[in-house]
Structures are given as structure tokens and as C-alpha cells.
């Protein structure tokens, strides 16, 4: 994150995950956030660690699982499409998670 203004400020950095298109999967979901203070002109790296539960959703049958497919992660000061930094990754294979 970078504060491009001439004033100090706070930002709530948010991490959203966009799921593969599957029945029951949300379009995207907030998977982490942190508040940081940045001095004028300051830059800082922000790190989010996503585990199995963060990568999962509950399908139409009520089963929580990590589904195979293409995912997108969006990190920044708002929801996806709000000028955030985006990247994508693919998960091969599926795995059910314990309840």
C-alpha cells in the first residue's frame, strides 16, 4: 500500500477471493483485512495468509470444500474492481473439509 497524499492517514486493507463459477459458490468473499497507518508518501507491504477454510465454500449439498478451478485474489482499499492489486491462481483437485 502507498499513501500518495501529503497527509498521514489510515487505510483498511482488504483481501477478497473470487471463486470459480460453481453452484453455491459466492461471487467473491472478504477473506482478510487489517488497518494500517501510513505517513505521507509512505509505502508498506501487507501480507495475508489464506488457509484451506479461506479457500473453501459451502456447496448446495451443504458440504464445505475447496473446489478445483481458477481463483482471483484482490487486495486493496475496497472491493474487487476498486483499483486494487489483483492476481490469479488455479487449484487442481477438490477436497472436502471437516465440519
PDB file of N, CA and C in Angstrom:
ATOM      1  N   UNK A   1       0.849  -1.167   0.000  1.00  0.00           N
ATOM      2  CA  UNK A   1       0.000   0.000   0.000  1.00  0.00           C
ATOM      3  C   UNK A   1       0.895   1.229   0.000  1.00  0.00           C
ATOM      4  N   UNK A   2       0.393   2.272  -0.626  1.00  0.00           N
ATOM      5  CA  UNK A   2       1.146   3.520  -0.668  1.00  0.00           C
ATOM      6  C   UNK A   2       0.210   4.687  -0.411  1.00  0.00           C
ATOM      7  N   UNK A   3       0.645   5.581   0.450  1.00  0.00           N
ATOM      8  CA  UNK A   3      -0.076   6.815   0.714  1.00  0.00           C
ATOM      9  C   UNK A   3       0.499   7.862  -0.223  1.00  0.00           C
ATOM     10  N   UNK A   4      -0.259   8.238  -1.239  1.00  0.00           N
ATOM     11  CA  UNK A   4       0.219   9.189  -2.239  1.00  0.00           C
ATOM     12  C   UNK A   4      -0.128  10.636  -1.884  1.00  0.00           C
ATOM     13  N   UNK A   5      -0.790  10.827  -0.741  1.00  0.00           N
ATOM     14  CA  UNK A   5      -1.179  12.192  -0.369  1.00  0.00           C
ATOM     15  C   UNK A   5      -0.073  12.873   0.438  1.00  0.00           C
ATOM     16  N   UNK A   6      -0.299  14.143   0.725  1.00  0.00           N
ATOM     17  CA  UNK A   6       0.653  14.924   1.524  1.00  0.00           C
ATOM     18  C   UNK A   6       0.339  14.835   3.009  1.00  0.00           C
ATOM     19  N   UNK A   7      -0.651  14.030   3.387  1.00  0.00           N
ATOM     20  CA  UNK A   7      -1.056  13.899   4.785  1.00  0.00           C
ATOM     21  C   UNK A   7      -0.962  12.448   5.246  1.00  0.00           C
ATOM     22  N   UNK A   8      -0.709  12.278   6.532  1.00  0.00           N
ATOM     23  CA  UNK A   8      -0.746  10.944   7.130  1.00  0.00           C
ATOM     24  C   UNK A   8      -2.185  10.438   7.081  1.00  0.00           C
ATOM     25  N   UNK A   9      -2.326   9.123   7.052  1.00  0.00           N
ATOM     26  CA  UNK A   9      -3.682   8.581   7.029  1.00  0.00           C
ATOM     27  C   UNK A   9      -3.724   7.105   7.358  1.00  0.00           C
ATOM     28  N   UNK A  10      -4.931   6.627   7.590  1.00  0.00           N
ATOM     29  CA  UNK A  10      -5.176   5.218   7.866  1.00  0.00           C
ATOM     30  C   UNK A  10      -5.864   4.586   6.660  1.00  0.00           C
ATOM     31  N   UNK A  11      -5.657   3.302   6.490  1.00  0.00           N
ATOM     32  CA  UNK A  11      -6.299   2.543   5.416  1.00  0.00           C
ATOM     33  C   UNK A  11      -6.678   1.187   5.977  1.00  0.00           C
ATOM     34  N   UNK A  12      -7.831   0.697   5.583  1.00  0.00           N
ATOM     35  CA  UNK A  12      -8.222  -0.674   5.895  1.00  0.00           C
ATOM     36  C   UNK A  12      -7.967  -1.475   4.620  1.00  0.00           C
ATOM     37  N   UNK A  13      -6.924  -2.290   4.663  1.00  0.00           N
ATOM     38  CA  UNK A  13      -6.535  -3.103   3.509  1.00  0.00           C
ATOM     39  C   UNK A  13      -7.360  -4.382   3.562  1.00  0.00           C
ATOM     40  N   UNK A  14      -8.026  -4.704   2.443  1.00  0.00           N
ATOM     41  CA  UNK A  14      -8.942  -5.835   2.383  1.00  0.00           C
ATOM     42  C   UNK A  14      -8.468  -6.854   1.348  1.00  0.00           C
ATOM     43  N   UNK A  15      -8.664  -8.130   1.659  1.00  0.00           N
ATOM     44  CA  UNK A  15      -8.332  -9.214   0.731  1.00  0.00           C
ATOM     45  C   UNK A  15      -9.622  -9.942   0.360  1.00  0.00           C
ATOM     46  N   UNK A  16      -9.973  -9.904  -0.921  1.00  0.00           N
ATOM     47  CA  UNK A  16     -11.168 -10.583  -1.424  1.00  0.00           C
ATOM     48  C   UNK A  16     -10.762 -11.737  -2.316  1.00  0.00           C
ATOM     49  N   UNK A  17     -11.484 -12.836  -2.190  1.00  0.00           N
ATOM     50  CA  UNK A  17     -11.263 -14.003  -3.026  1.00  0.00           C
ATOM     51  C   UNK A  17     -12.462 -14.155  -3.949  1.00  0.00           C
ATOM     52  N   UNK A  18     -12.198 -14.275  -5.251  1.00  0.00           N
ATOM     53  CA  UNK A  18     -13.238 -14.561  -6.238  1.00  0.00           C
ATOM     54  C   UNK A  18     -13.121 -16.031  -6.595  1.00  0.00           C
ATOM     55  N   UNK A  19     -14.238 -16.735  -6.472  1.00  0.00           N
ATOM     56  CA  UNK A  19     -14.271 -18.184  -6.627  1.00  0.00           C
ATOM     57  C   UNK A  19     -14.557 -18.596  -8.064  1.00  0.00           C
ATOM     58  N   UNK A  20     -14.240 -19.864  -8.426  1.00  0.00           N
ATOM     59  CA  UNK A  20     -14.661 -20.392  -9.723  1.00  0.00           C
ATOM     60  C   UNK A  20     -16.190 -20.394  -9.767  1.00  0.00           C
ATOM     61  N   UNK A  21     -16.757 -20.280 -10.949  1.00  0.00           N
ATOM     62  CA  UNK A  21     -18.213 -20.284 -11.089  1.00  0.00           C
ATOM     63  C   UNK A  21     -18.738 -21.699 -10.874  1.00  0.00           C
ATOM     64  N   UNK A  22     -19.359 -21.892  -9.715  1.00  0.00           N
ATOM     65  CA  UNK A  22     -19.953 -23.186  -9.345  1.00  0.00           C
ATOM     66  C   UNK A  22     -21.238 -22.910  -8.580  1.00  0.00           C
ATOM     67  N   UNK A  23     -22.153 -23.842  -8.660  1.00  0.00           N
ATOM     68  CA  UNK A  23     -23.403 -23.710  -7.912  1.00  0.00           C
ATOM     69  C   UNK A  23     -23.095 -23.597  -6.425  1.00  0.00           C
ATOM     70  N   UNK A  24     -23.670 -22.602  -5.776  1.00  0.00           N
ATOM     71  CA  UNK A  24     -23.478 -22.413  -4.342  1.00  0.00           C
ATOM     72  C   UNK A  24     -22.288 -21.558  -3.955  1.00  0.00           C
ATOM     73  N   UNK A  25     -21.346 -21.360  -4.861  1.00  0.00           N
ATOM     74  CA  UNK A  25     -20.154 -20.569  -4.527  1.00  0.00           C
ATOM     75  C   UNK A  25     -20.486 -19.077  -4.606  1.00  0.00           C
ATOM     76  N   UNK A  26     -19.975 -18.292  -3.665  1.00  0.00           N
ATOM     77  CA  UNK A  26     -20.194 -16.846  -3.754  1.00  0.00           C
ATOM     78  C   UNK A  26     -19.384 -16.266  -4.918  1.00  0.00           C
ATOM     79  N   UNK A  27     -19.801 -15.116  -5.403  1.00  0.00           N
ATOM     80  CA  UNK A  27     -19.022 -14.461  -6.463  1.00  0.00           C
ATOM     81  C   UNK A  27     -17.651 -14.092  -5.908  1.00  0.00           C
ATOM     82  N   UNK A  28     -17.630 -13.400  -4.785  1.00  0.00           N
ATOM     83  CA  UNK A  28     -16.388 -13.135  -4.073  1.00  0.00           C
ATOM     84  C   UNK A  28     -16.693 -12.968  -2.588  1.00  0.00           C
ATOM     85  N   UNK A  29     -15.653 -13.135  -1.777  1.00  0.00           N
ATOM     86  CA  UNK A  29     -15.831 -13.074  -0.330  1.00  0.00           C
ATOM     87  C   UNK A  29     -14.622 -12.418   0.320  1.00  0.00           C
ATOM     88  N   UNK A  30     -14.890 -11.612   1.342  1.00  0.00           N
ATOM     89  CA  UNK A  30     -13.829 -10.989   2.124  1.00  0.00           C
ATOM     90  C   UNK A  30     -13.127 -12.091   2.923  1.00  0.00           C
ATOM     91  N   UNK A  31     -11.812 -12.212   2.762  1.00  0.00           N
ATOM     92  CA  UNK A  31     -11.066 -13.262   3.436  1.00  0.00           C
ATOM     93  C   UNK A  31      -9.988 -12.736   4.379  1.00  0.00           C
ATOM     94  N   UNK A  32      -9.866 -11.420   4.499  1.00  0.00           N
ATOM     95  CA  UNK A  32      -8.932 -10.847   5.449  1.00  0.00           C
ATOM     96  C   UNK A  32      -8.952  -9.333   5.358  1.00  0.00           C
ATOM     97  N   UNK A  33      -8.592  -8.692   6.459  1.00  0.00           N
ATOM     98  CA  UNK A  33      -8.462  -7.232   6.457  1.00  0.00           C
ATOM     99  C   UNK A  33      -7.560  -6.816   7.600  1.00  0.00           C
ATOM    100  N   UNK A  34      -6.928  -5.679   7.442  1.00  0.00           N
ATOM    101  CA  UNK A  34      -6.091  -5.115   8.503  1.00  0.00           C
ATOM    102  C   UNK A  34      -6.046  -3.600   8.336  1.00  0.00           C
ATOM    103  N   UNK A  35      -6.007  -2.904   9.446  1.00  0.00           N
ATOM    104  CA  UNK A  35      -5.917  -1.440   9.427  1.00  0.00           C
ATOM    105  C   UNK A  35      -4.448  -1.062   9.575  1.00  0.00           C
ATOM    106  N   UNK A  36      -4.001  -0.157   8.717  1.00  0.00           N
ATOM    107  CA  UNK A  36      -2.623   0.312   8.808  1.00  0.00           C
ATOM    108  C   UNK A  36      -2.602   1.839   8.809  1.00  0.00           C
ATOM    109  N   UNK A  37      -1.569   2.397   9.406  1.00  0.00           N
ATOM    110  CA  UNK A  37      -1.347   3.841   9.388  1.00  0.00           C
ATOM    111  C   UNK A  37      -0.141   4.105   8.490  1.00  0.00           C
ATOM    112  N   UNK A  38      -0.310   5.025   7.553  1.00  0.00           N
ATOM    113  CA  UNK A  38       0.777   5.381   6.637  1.00  0.00           C
ATOM    114  C   UNK A  38       1.056   6.870   6.741  1.00  0.00           C
ATOM    115  N   UNK A  39       2.323   7.203   6.901  1.00  0.00           N
ATOM    116  CA  UNK A  39       2.717   8.607   6.852  1.00  0.00           C
ATOM    117  C   UNK A  39       2.632   9.098   5.404  1.00  0.00           C
ATOM    118  N   UNK A  40       2.596  10.366   5.213  1.00  0.00           N
ATOM    119  CA  UNK A  40       2.534  10.939   3.866  1.00  0.00           C
ATOM    120  C   UNK A  40       3.681  10.379   3.023  1.00  0.00           C
ATOM    121  N   UNK A  41       3.358   9.821   1.857  1.00  0.00           N
ATOM    122  CA  UNK A  41       4.361   9.279   0.949  1.00  0.00           C
ATOM    123  C   UNK A  41       4.892   7.904   1.314  1.00  0.00           C
ATOM    124  N   UNK A  42       4.472   7.333   2.439  1.00  0.00           N
ATOM    125  CA  UNK A  42       4.992   6.040   2.888  1.00  0.00           C
ATOM    126  C   UNK A  42       4.365   4.878   2.116  1.00  0.00           C
ATOM    127  N   UNK A  43       5.171   3.851   1.882  1.00  0.00           N
ATOM    128  CA  UNK A  43       4.707   2.595   1.292  1.00  0.00           C
ATOM    129  C   UNK A  43       4.951   1.473   2.282  1.00  0.00           C
ATOM    130  N   UNK A  44       4.069   0.482   2.262  1.00  0.00           N
ATOM    131  CA  UNK A  44       4.247  -0.657   3.163  1.00  0.00           C
ATOM    132  C   UNK A  44       3.646  -1.899   2.512  1.00  0.00           C
ATOM    133  N   UNK A  45       4.364  -3.004   2.625  1.00  0.00           N
ATOM    134  CA  UNK A  45       3.846  -4.288   2.164  1.00  0.00           C
ATOM    135  C   UNK A  45       2.876  -4.821   3.210  1.00  0.00           C
ATOM    136  N   UNK A  46       1.792  -5.413   2.743  1.00  0.00           N
ATOM    137  CA  UNK A  46       0.795  -6.030   3.616  1.00  0.00           C
ATOM    138  C   UNK A  46       0.675  -7.484   3.185  1.00  0.00           C
ATOM    139  N   UNK A  47       0.633  -8.384   4.168  1.00  0.00           N
ATOM    140  CA  UNK A  47       0.612  -9.816   3.864  1.00  0.00           C
ATOM    141  C   UNK A  47      -0.638 -10.473   4.455  1.00  0.00           C
ATOM    142  N   UNK A  48      -1.286 -11.295   3.634  1.00  0.00           N
ATOM    143  CA  UNK A  48      -2.411 -12.110   4.084  1.00  0.00           C
ATOM    144  C   UNK A  48      -2.061 -13.563   3.807  1.00  0.00           C
ATOM    145  N   UNK A  49      -2.354 -14.428   4.753  1.00  0.00           N
ATOM    146  CA  UNK A  49      -2.137 -15.861   4.585  1.00  0.00           C
ATOM    147  C   UNK A  49      -3.510 -16.522   4.551  1.00  0.00           C
ATOM    148  N   UNK A  50      -3.808 -17.224   3.453  1.00  0.00           N
ATOM    149  CA  UNK A  50      -5.095 -17.895   3.301  1.00  0.00           C
ATOM    150  C   UNK A  50      -4.924 -19.386   3.519  1.00  0.00           C
ATOM    151  N   UNK A  51      -5.721 -19.941   4.394  1.00  0.00           N
ATOM    152  CA  UNK A  51      -5.699 -21.376   4.659  1.00  0.00           C
ATOM    153  C   UNK A  51      -6.827 -22.083   3.919  1.00  0.00           C
ATOM    154  N   UNK A  52      -6.947 -23.391   4.160  1.00  0.00           N
ATOM    155  CA  UNK A  52      -7.969 -24.191   3.492  1.00  0.00           C
ATOM    156  C   UNK A  52      -9.369 -23.625   3.694  1.00  0.00           C
ATOM    157  N   UNK A  53      -9.694 -23.233   4.903  1.00  0.00           N
ATOM    158  CA  UNK A  53     -11.043 -22.718   5.176  1.00  0.00           C
ATOM    159  C   UNK A  53     -11.297 -21.430   4.391  1.00  0.00           C
ATOM    160  N   UNK A  54     -10.287 -20.591   4.256  1.00  0.00           N
ATOM    161  CA  UNK A  54     -10.433 -19.349   3.483  1.00  0.00           C
ATOM    162  C   UNK A  54     -10.691 -19.632   2.006  1.00  0.00           C
ATOM    163  N   UNK A  55     -10.139 -20.721   1.511  1.00  0.00           N
ATOM    164  CA  UNK A  55     -10.286 -21.077   0.096  1.00  0.00           C
ATOM    165  C   UNK A  55     -11.545 -21.894  -0.181  1.00  0.00           C
ATOM    166  N   UNK A  56     -12.299 -22.204   0.865  1.00  0.00           N
ATOM    167  CA  UNK A  56     -13.456 -23.083   0.714  1.00  0.00           C
ATOM    168  C   UNK A  56     -14.766 -22.305   0.659  1.00  0.00           C
ATOM    169  N   UNK A  57     -15.799 -23.020   0.239  1.00  0.00           N
ATOM    170  CA  UNK A  57     -17.175 -22.527   0.301  1.00  0.00           C
ATOM    171  C   UNK A  57     -18.084 -23.719   0.590  1.00  0.00           C
ATOM    172  N   UNK A  58     -19.322 -23.433   0.954  1.00  0.00           N
ATOM    173  CA  UNK A  58     -20.295 -24.489   1.211  1.00  0.00           C
ATOM    174  C   UNK A  58     -21.123 -24.660  -0.050  1.00  0.00           C
ATOM    175  N   UNK A  59     -21.129 -25.889  -0.601  1.00  0.00           N
ATOM    176  CA  UNK A  59     -21.868 -26.136  -1.841  1.00  0.00           C
ATOM    177  C   UNK A  59     -23.360 -26.330  -1.559  1.00  0.00           C
ATOM    178  N   UNK A  60     -24.129 -26.569  -2.618  1.00  0.00           N
ATOM    179  CA  UNK A  60     -25.579 -26.700  -2.483  1.00  0.00           C
ATOM    180  C   UNK A  60     -25.990 -27.881  -1.605  1.00  0.00           C
ATOM    181  N   UNK A  61     -25.136 -28.896  -1.486  1.00  0.00           N
ATOM    182  CA  UNK A  61     -25.431 -30.067  -0.652  1.00  0.00           C
ATOM    183  C   UNK A  61     -25.054 -29.829   0.805  1.00  0.00           C
ATOM    184  N   UNK A  62     -24.499 -28.656   1.131  1.00  0.00           N
ATOM    185  CA  UNK A  62     -24.110 -28.342   2.497  1.00  0.00           C
ATOM    186  C   UNK A  62     -22.713 -28.812   2.868  1.00  0.00           C
ATOM    187  N   UNK A  63     -21.931 -29.194   1.876  1.00  0.00           N
ATOM    188  CA  UNK A  63     -20.576 -29.680   2.118  1.00  0.00           C
ATOM    189  C   UNK A  63     -19.579 -28.541   1.939  1.00  0.00           C
ATOM    190  N   UNK A  64     -18.725 -28.348   2.935  1.00  0.00           N
ATOM    191  CA  UNK A  64     -17.663 -27.340   2.810  1.00  0.00           C
ATOM    192  C   UNK A  64     -16.500 -27.970   2.080  1.00  0.00           C
ATOM    193  N   UNK A  65     -16.076 -27.328   0.991  1.00  0.00           N
ATOM    194  CA  UNK A  65     -14.955 -27.884   0.246  1.00  0.00           C
ATOM    195  C   UNK A  65     -14.159 -26.812  -0.477  1.00  0.00           C
ATOM    196  N   UNK A  66     -12.922 -27.172  -0.758  1.00  0.00           N
ATOM    197  CA  UNK A  66     -12.070 -26.375  -1.635  1.00  0.00           C
ATOM    198  C   UNK A  66     -12.286 -26.961  -3.019  1.00  0.00           C
ATOM    199  N   UNK A  67     -12.795 -26.153  -3.931  1.00  0.00           N
ATOM    200  CA  UNK A  67     -13.144 -26.627  -5.265  1.00  0.00           C
ATOM    201  C   UNK A  67     -12.005 -26.380  -6.250  1.00  0.00           C
ATOM    202  N   UNK A  68     -11.922 -27.245  -7.234  1.00  0.00           N
ATOM    203  CA  UNK A  68     -10.948 -27.056  -8.308  1.00  0.00           C
ATOM    204  C   UNK A  68     -11.392 -25.888  -9.183  1.00  0.00           C
ATOM    205  N   UNK A  69     -10.415 -25.192  -9.757  1.00  0.00           N
ATOM    206  CA  UNK A  69     -10.744 -24.120 -10.689  1.00  0.00           C
ATOM    207  C   UNK A  69      -9.860 -22.903 -10.526  1.00  0.00           C
ATOM    208  N   UNK A  70     -10.218 -21.861 -11.277  1.00  0.00           N
ATOM    209  CA  UNK A  70      -9.460 -20.607 -11.299  1.00  0.00           C
ATOM    210  C   UNK A  70     -10.007 -19.642 -10.247  1.00  0.00           C
ATOM    211  N   UNK A  71      -9.120 -19.139  -9.402  1.00  0.00           N
ATOM    212  CA  UNK A  71      -9.458 -18.181  -8.352  1.00  0.00           C
ATOM    213  C   UNK A  71      -8.752 -16.861  -8.652  1.00  0.00           C
ATOM    214  N   UNK A  72      -9.287 -15.794  -8.072  1.00  0.00           N
ATOM    215  CA  UNK A  72      -8.657 -14.482  -8.192  1.00  0.00           C
ATOM    216  C   UNK A  72      -8.603 -13.866  -6.799  1.00  0.00           C
ATOM    217  N   UNK A  73      -7.471 -13.272  -6.467  1.00  0.00           N
ATOM    218  CA  UNK A  73      -7.316 -12.562  -5.195  1.00  0.00           C
ATOM    219  C   UNK A  73      -7.186 -11.073  -5.506  1.00  0.00           C
ATOM    220  N   UNK A  74      -7.870 -10.255  -4.728  1.00  0.00           N
ATOM    221  CA  UNK A  74      -7.871  -8.807  -4.917  1.00  0.00           C
ATOM    222  C   UNK A  74      -7.549  -8.170  -3.569  1.00  0.00           C
ATOM    223  N   UNK A  75      -6.497  -7.364  -3.522  1.00  0.00           N
ATOM    224  CA  UNK A  75      -6.057  -6.741  -2.270  1.00  0.00           C
ATOM    225  C   UNK A  75      -5.979  -5.231  -2.465  1.00  0.00           C
ATOM    226  N   UNK A  76      -6.601  -4.499  -1.549  1.00  0.00           N
ATOM    227  CA  UNK A  76      -6.566  -3.045  -1.624  1.00  0.00           C
ATOM    228  C   UNK A  76      -7.537  -2.418  -0.652  1.00  0.00           C
ATOM    229  N   UNK A  77      -7.913  -1.184  -0.926  1.00  0.00           N
ATOM    230  CA  UNK A  77      -8.761  -0.427  -0.019  1.00  0.00           C
ATOM    231  C   UNK A  77     -10.240  -0.583  -0.252  1.00  0.00           C
ATOM    232  N   UNK A  78     -10.648  -1.524  -1.107  1.00  0.00           N
ATOM    233  CA  UNK A  78     -12.071  -1.714  -1.373  1.00  0.00           C
ATOM    234  C   UNK A  78     -12.337  -3.056  -2.014  1.00  0.00           C
ATOM    235  N   UNK A  79     -13.565  -3.230  -2.480  1.00  0.00           N
ATOM    236  CA  UNK A  79     -13.964  -4.472  -3.125  1.00  0.00           C
ATOM    237  C   UNK A  79     -13.257  -4.633  -4.462  1.00  0.00           C
ATOM    238  N   UNK A  80     -13.266  -5.854  -5.018  1.00  0.00           N
ATOM    239  CA  UNK A  80     -12.640  -6.073  -6.332  1.00  0.00           C
ATOM    240  C   UNK A  80     -13.154  -5.064  -7.361  1.00  0.00           C
ATOM    241  N   UNK A  81     -12.237  -4.600  -8.194  1.00  0.00           N
ATOM    242  CA  UNK A  81     -12.589  -3.614  -9.208  1.00  0.00           C
ATOM    243  C   UNK A  81     -12.429  -2.180  -8.734  1.00  0.00           C
ATOM    244  N   UNK A  82     -11.978  -1.970  -7.516  1.00  0.00           N
ATOM    245  CA  UNK A  82     -11.839  -0.623  -6.951  1.00  0.00           C
ATOM    246  C   UNK A  82     -10.394  -0.140  -6.992  1.00  0.00           C
ATOM    247  N   UNK A  83      -9.640  -0.539  -8.033  1.00  0.00           N
ATOM    248  CA  UNK A  83      -8.247  -0.112  -8.139  1.00  0.00           C
ATOM    249  C   UNK A  83      -7.307  -0.927  -7.284  1.00  0.00           C
ATOM    250  N   UNK A  84      -7.708  -2.126  -6.924  1.00  0.00           N
ATOM    251  CA  UNK A  84      -6.878  -2.997  -6.094  1.00  0.00           C
ATOM    252  C   UNK A  84      -5.814  -3.695  -6.927  1.00  0.00           C
ATOM    253  N   UNK A  85      -4.921  -4.389  -6.241  1.00  0.00           N
ATOM    254  CA  UNK A  85      -3.935  -5.252  -6.888  1.00  0.00           C
ATOM    255  C   UNK A  85      -4.574  -6.629  -6.994  1.00  0.00           C
ATOM    256  N   UNK A  86      -4.626  -7.181  -8.193  1.00  0.00           N
ATOM    257  CA  UNK A  86      -5.261  -8.471  -8.435  1.00  0.00           C
ATOM    258  C   UNK A  86      -4.249  -9.477  -8.957  1.00  0.00           C
ATOM    259  N   UNK A  87      -4.481 -10.736  -8.634  1.00  0.00           N
ATOM    260  CA  UNK A  87      -3.696 -11.835  -9.193  1.00  0.00           C
ATOM    261  C   UNK A  87      -4.587 -13.060  -9.225  1.00  0.00           C
ATOM    262  N   UNK A  88      -4.173 -14.082  -9.942  1.00  0.00           N
ATOM    263  CA  UNK A  88      -4.988 -15.283 -10.043  1.00  0.00           C
ATOM    264  C   UNK A  88      -4.137 -16.522  -9.813  1.00  0.00           C
ATOM    265  N   UNK A  89      -4.819 -17.617  -9.478  1.00  0.00           N
ATOM    266  CA  UNK A  89      -4.163 -18.903  -9.294  1.00  0.00           C
ATOM    267  C   UNK A  89      -5.188 -19.996  -9.562  1.00  0.00           C
ATOM    268  N   UNK A  90      -4.710 -21.201  -9.771  1.00  0.00           N
ATOM    269  CA  UNK A  90      -5.580 -22.330 -10.068  1.00  0.00           C
ATOM    270  C   UNK A  90      -5.357 -23.434  -9.047  1.00  0.00           C
ATOM    271  N   UNK A  91      -6.446 -24.026  -8.611  1.00  0.00           N
ATOM    272  CA  UNK A  91      -6.401 -25.185  -7.719  1.00  0.00           C
ATOM    273  C   UNK A  91      -6.847 -26.401  -8.517  1.00  0.00           C
ATOM    274  N   UNK A  92      -6.046 -27.445  -8.481  1.00  0.00           N
ATOM    275  CA  UNK A  92      -6.414 -28.699  -9.161  1.00  0.00           C
ATOM    276  C   UNK A  92      -6.877 -29.689  -8.102  1.00  0.00           C
ATOM    277  N   UNK A  93      -7.915 -30.416  -8.405  1.00  0.00           N
ATOM    278  CA  UNK A  93      -8.474 -31.370  -7.449  1.00  0.00           C
ATOM    279  C   UNK A  93      -9.375 -30.684  -6.456  1.00  0.00           C
ATOM    280  N   UNK A  94     -10.240 -31.452  -5.812  1.00  0.00           N
ATOM    281  CA  UNK A  94     -11.151 -30.919  -4.812  1.00  0.00           C
ATOM    282  C   UNK A  94     -10.923 -31.646  -3.497  1.00  0.00           C
ATOM    283  N   UNK A  95     -11.281 -30.947  -2.415  1.00  0.00           N
ATOM    284  CA  UNK A  95     -11.115 -31.571  -1.106  1.00  0.00           C
ATOM    285  C   UNK A  95     -12.226 -31.098  -0.177  1.00  0.00           C
ATOM    286  N   UNK A  96     -12.906 -32.059   0.437  1.00  0.00           N
ATOM    287  CA  UNK A  96     -13.905 -31.722   1.442  1.00  0.00           C
ATOM    288  C   UNK A  96     -13.203 -31.414   2.751  1.00  0.00           C
ATOM    289  N   UNK A  97     -13.748 -30.467   3.489  1.00  0.00           N
ATOM    290  CA  UNK A  97     -13.198 -30.091   4.789  1.00  0.00           C
ATOM    291  C   UNK A  97     -14.092 -30.615   5.892  1.00  0.00           C
ATOM    292  N   UNK A  98     -13.523 -30.917   7.051  1.00  0.00           N
ATOM    293  CA  UNK A  98     -14.353 -31.362   8.169  1.00  0.00           C
ATOM    294  C   UNK A  98     -15.274 -30.251   8.628  1.00  0.00           C
ATOM    295  N   UNK A  99     -16.365 -30.626   9.216  1.00  0.00           N
ATOM    296  CA  UNK A  99     -17.332 -29.617   9.695  1.00  0.00           C
ATOM    297  C   UNK A  99     -16.822 -28.864  10.867  1.00  0.00           C
TER     298      UNK A  99
END
